[in-house]
Amino acid sequence: MSEVETTVRAVLADVLALSPERVDTFRADTPLFGALPELDSMAVAGVLTELEDRLGIVIEDDEVDGEMLETFGALTRFATSKALV
């Protein structure tokens, strides 16, 4: 598991108040936005802000869309791409 993936899991657990055990079961195809009741539009802002802080990245408003939040894998790939820049 990469450092970014570990951070994404921790952010989801912390911001959404999910148990670490639940987040540990997330796979690349685990649906997020629209499937997790805890991840509503207000929580998205918290998740993205926390990812920025923990990974030292900047997420521009125009980069945020439904696809990047669709699955755990999509969010992790997005965060990884930002962390590598």
C-alpha atoms as a PDB file:
ATOM      1  CA  MET A   1       0.000   0.000   0.000  1.00  0.00           C
ATOM      2  CA  SER A   2       1.408   3.385  -0.993  1.00  0.00           C
ATOM      3  CA  GLU A   3       1.819   6.334   1.346  1.00  0.00           C
ATOM      4  CA  VAL A   4      -0.848   8.228  -0.611  1.00  0.00           C
ATOM      5  CA  GLU A   5      -3.312   5.333  -0.340  1.00  0.00           C
ATOM      6  CA  THR A   6      -2.675   5.110   3.398  1.00  0.00           C
ATOM      7  CA  THR A   7      -3.278   8.857   3.702  1.00  0.00           C
ATOM      8  CA  VAL A   8      -6.504   8.702   1.667  1.00  0.00           C
ATOM      9  CA  ARG A   9      -7.764   5.904   3.935  1.00  0.00           C
ATOM     10  CA  ALA A  10      -6.872   7.900   7.057  1.00  0.00           C
ATOM     11  CA  VAL A  11      -8.560  11.046   5.730  1.00  0.00           C
ATOM     12  CA  LEU A  12     -11.754   9.172   4.902  1.00  0.00           C
ATOM     13  CA  ALA A  13     -11.775   7.571   8.336  1.00  0.00           C
ATOM     14  CA  ASP A  14     -11.081  10.838  10.166  1.00  0.00           C
ATOM     15  CA  VAL A  15     -13.250  13.265   8.202  1.00  0.00           C
ATOM     16  CA  LEU A  16     -16.207  10.922   7.706  1.00  0.00           C
ATOM     17  CA  ALA A  17     -15.934   9.322  11.156  1.00  0.00           C
ATOM     18  CA  LEU A  18     -15.658   5.851   9.623  1.00  0.00           C
ATOM     19  CA  SER A  19     -14.030   3.038  11.526  1.00  0.00           C
ATOM     20  CA  PRO A  20     -10.512   2.162  10.389  1.00  0.00           C
ATOM     21  CA  GLU A  21     -11.710  -1.429   9.972  1.00  0.00           C
ATOM     22  CA  ARG A  22     -14.379  -0.309   7.514  1.00  0.00           C
ATOM     23  CA  VAL A  23     -11.969   1.857   5.539  1.00  0.00           C
ATOM     24  CA  ASP A  24      -9.463  -1.023   5.441  1.00  0.00           C
ATOM     25  CA  THR A  25     -12.001  -3.017   3.399  1.00  0.00           C
ATOM     26  CA  PHE A  26     -12.100  -0.363   0.643  1.00  0.00           C
ATOM     27  CA  ARG A  27     -10.781  -1.590  -2.698  1.00  0.00           C
ATOM     28  CA  ALA A  28     -10.148   0.339  -5.911  1.00  0.00           C
ATOM     29  CA  ASP A  29     -13.717  -0.287  -7.097  1.00  0.00           C
ATOM     30  CA  THR A  30     -15.398   0.609  -3.779  1.00  0.00           C
ATOM     31  CA  PRO A  31     -17.968   3.312  -4.581  1.00  0.00           C
ATOM     32  CA  LEU A  32     -17.680   6.533  -2.579  1.00  0.00           C
ATOM     33  CA  PHE A  33     -19.741   9.592  -3.525  1.00  0.00           C
ATOM     34  CA  GLY A  34     -23.384   8.599  -3.759  1.00  0.00           C
ATOM     35  CA  ALA A  35     -22.735   5.284  -2.022  1.00  0.00           C
ATOM     36  CA  LEU A  36     -21.411   6.428   1.354  1.00  0.00           C
ATOM     37  CA  PRO A  37     -24.080   8.443   3.169  1.00  0.00           C
ATOM     38  CA  GLU A  38     -21.308  10.078   5.208  1.00  0.00           C
ATOM     39  CA  LEU A  39     -19.743  11.515   2.032  1.00  0.00           C
ATOM     40  CA  ASP A  40     -22.179  14.270   1.176  1.00  0.00           C
ATOM     41  CA  SER A  41     -21.385  17.525  -0.595  1.00  0.00           C
ATOM     42  CA  MET A  42     -20.352  19.210   2.661  1.00  0.00           C
ATOM     43  CA  ALA A  43     -18.038  16.342   3.600  1.00  0.00           C
ATOM     44  CA  VAL A  44     -16.348  16.463   0.174  1.00  0.00           C
ATOM     45  CA  ALA A  45     -14.871  19.865   1.023  1.00  0.00           C
ATOM     46  CA  GLY A  46     -13.505  18.505   4.297  1.00  0.00           C
ATOM     47  CA  VAL A  47     -11.986  15.454   2.622  1.00  0.00           C
ATOM     48  CA  LEU A  48     -10.302  17.534  -0.084  1.00  0.00           C
ATOM     49  CA  THR A  49      -8.998  20.114   2.378  1.00  0.00           C
ATOM     50  CA  GLU A  50      -7.581  17.397   4.593  1.00  0.00           C
ATOM     51  CA  LEU A  51      -5.931  15.685   1.610  1.00  0.00           C
ATOM     52  CA  GLU A  52      -4.327  19.005   0.677  1.00  0.00           C
ATOM     53  CA  ASP A  53      -3.004  19.479   4.208  1.00  0.00           C
ATOM     54  CA  ARG A  54      -1.705  15.949   4.724  1.00  0.00           C
ATOM     55  CA  LEU A  55      -0.211  15.477   1.264  1.00  0.00           C
ATOM     56  CA  GLY A  56       1.013  19.038   0.746  1.00  0.00           C
ATOM     57  CA  ILE A  57      -0.940  19.398  -2.494  1.00  0.00           C
ATOM     58  CA  VAL A  58      -3.280  21.991  -3.978  1.00  0.00           C
ATOM     59  CA  ILE A  59      -6.573  20.879  -5.489  1.00  0.00           C
ATOM     60  CA  GLU A  60      -8.055  23.449  -7.832  1.00  0.00           C
ATOM     61  CA  ASP A  61     -11.831  23.876  -7.969  1.00  0.00           C
ATOM     62  CA  ASP A  62     -11.950  22.925 -11.648  1.00  0.00           C
ATOM     63  CA  GLU A  63     -10.269  19.583 -10.852  1.00  0.00           C
ATOM     64  CA  VAL A  64     -13.106  18.465  -8.603  1.00  0.00           C
ATOM     65  CA  ASP A  65     -15.703  16.357 -10.356  1.00  0.00           C
ATOM     66  CA  GLY A  66     -17.840  13.314  -9.822  1.00  0.00           C
ATOM     67  CA  GLU A  67     -15.370  10.967 -11.482  1.00  0.00           C
ATOM     68  CA  MET A  68     -12.558  11.677  -9.016  1.00  0.00           C
ATOM     69  CA  LEU A  69     -14.914  10.871  -6.130  1.00  0.00           C
ATOM     70  CA  GLU A  70     -16.716   7.963  -7.763  1.00  0.00           C
ATOM     71  CA  THR A  71     -14.561   5.191  -6.262  1.00  0.00           C
ATOM     72  CA  PHE A  72     -11.794   4.765  -3.727  1.00  0.00           C
ATOM     73  CA  GLY A  73      -9.415   3.929  -6.567  1.00  0.00           C
ATOM     74  CA  ALA A  74     -10.316   7.077  -8.510  1.00  0.00           C
ATOM     75  CA  LEU A  75      -9.735   9.278  -5.462  1.00  0.00           C
ATOM     76  CA  THR A  76      -6.437   7.554  -4.687  1.00  0.00           C
ATOM     77  CA  ARG A  77      -5.245   7.874  -8.303  1.00  0.00           C
ATOM     78  CA  PHE A  78      -6.162  11.565  -8.317  1.00  0.00           C
ATOM     79  CA  ALA A  79      -4.336  12.202  -5.025  1.00  0.00           C
ATOM     80  CA  THR A  80      -1.311  10.253  -6.265  1.00  0.00           C
ATOM     81  CA  SER A  81      -1.173  12.284  -9.472  1.00  0.00           C
ATOM     82  CA  LYS A  82      -1.255  15.514  -7.466  1.00  0.00           C
ATOM     83  CA  ALA A  83       1.392  14.322  -5.004  1.00  0.00           C
ATOM     84  CA  LEU A  84       3.791  13.433  -7.816  1.00  0.00           C
ATOM     85  CA  VAL A  85       3.703  16.895  -9.395  1.00  0.00           C
END
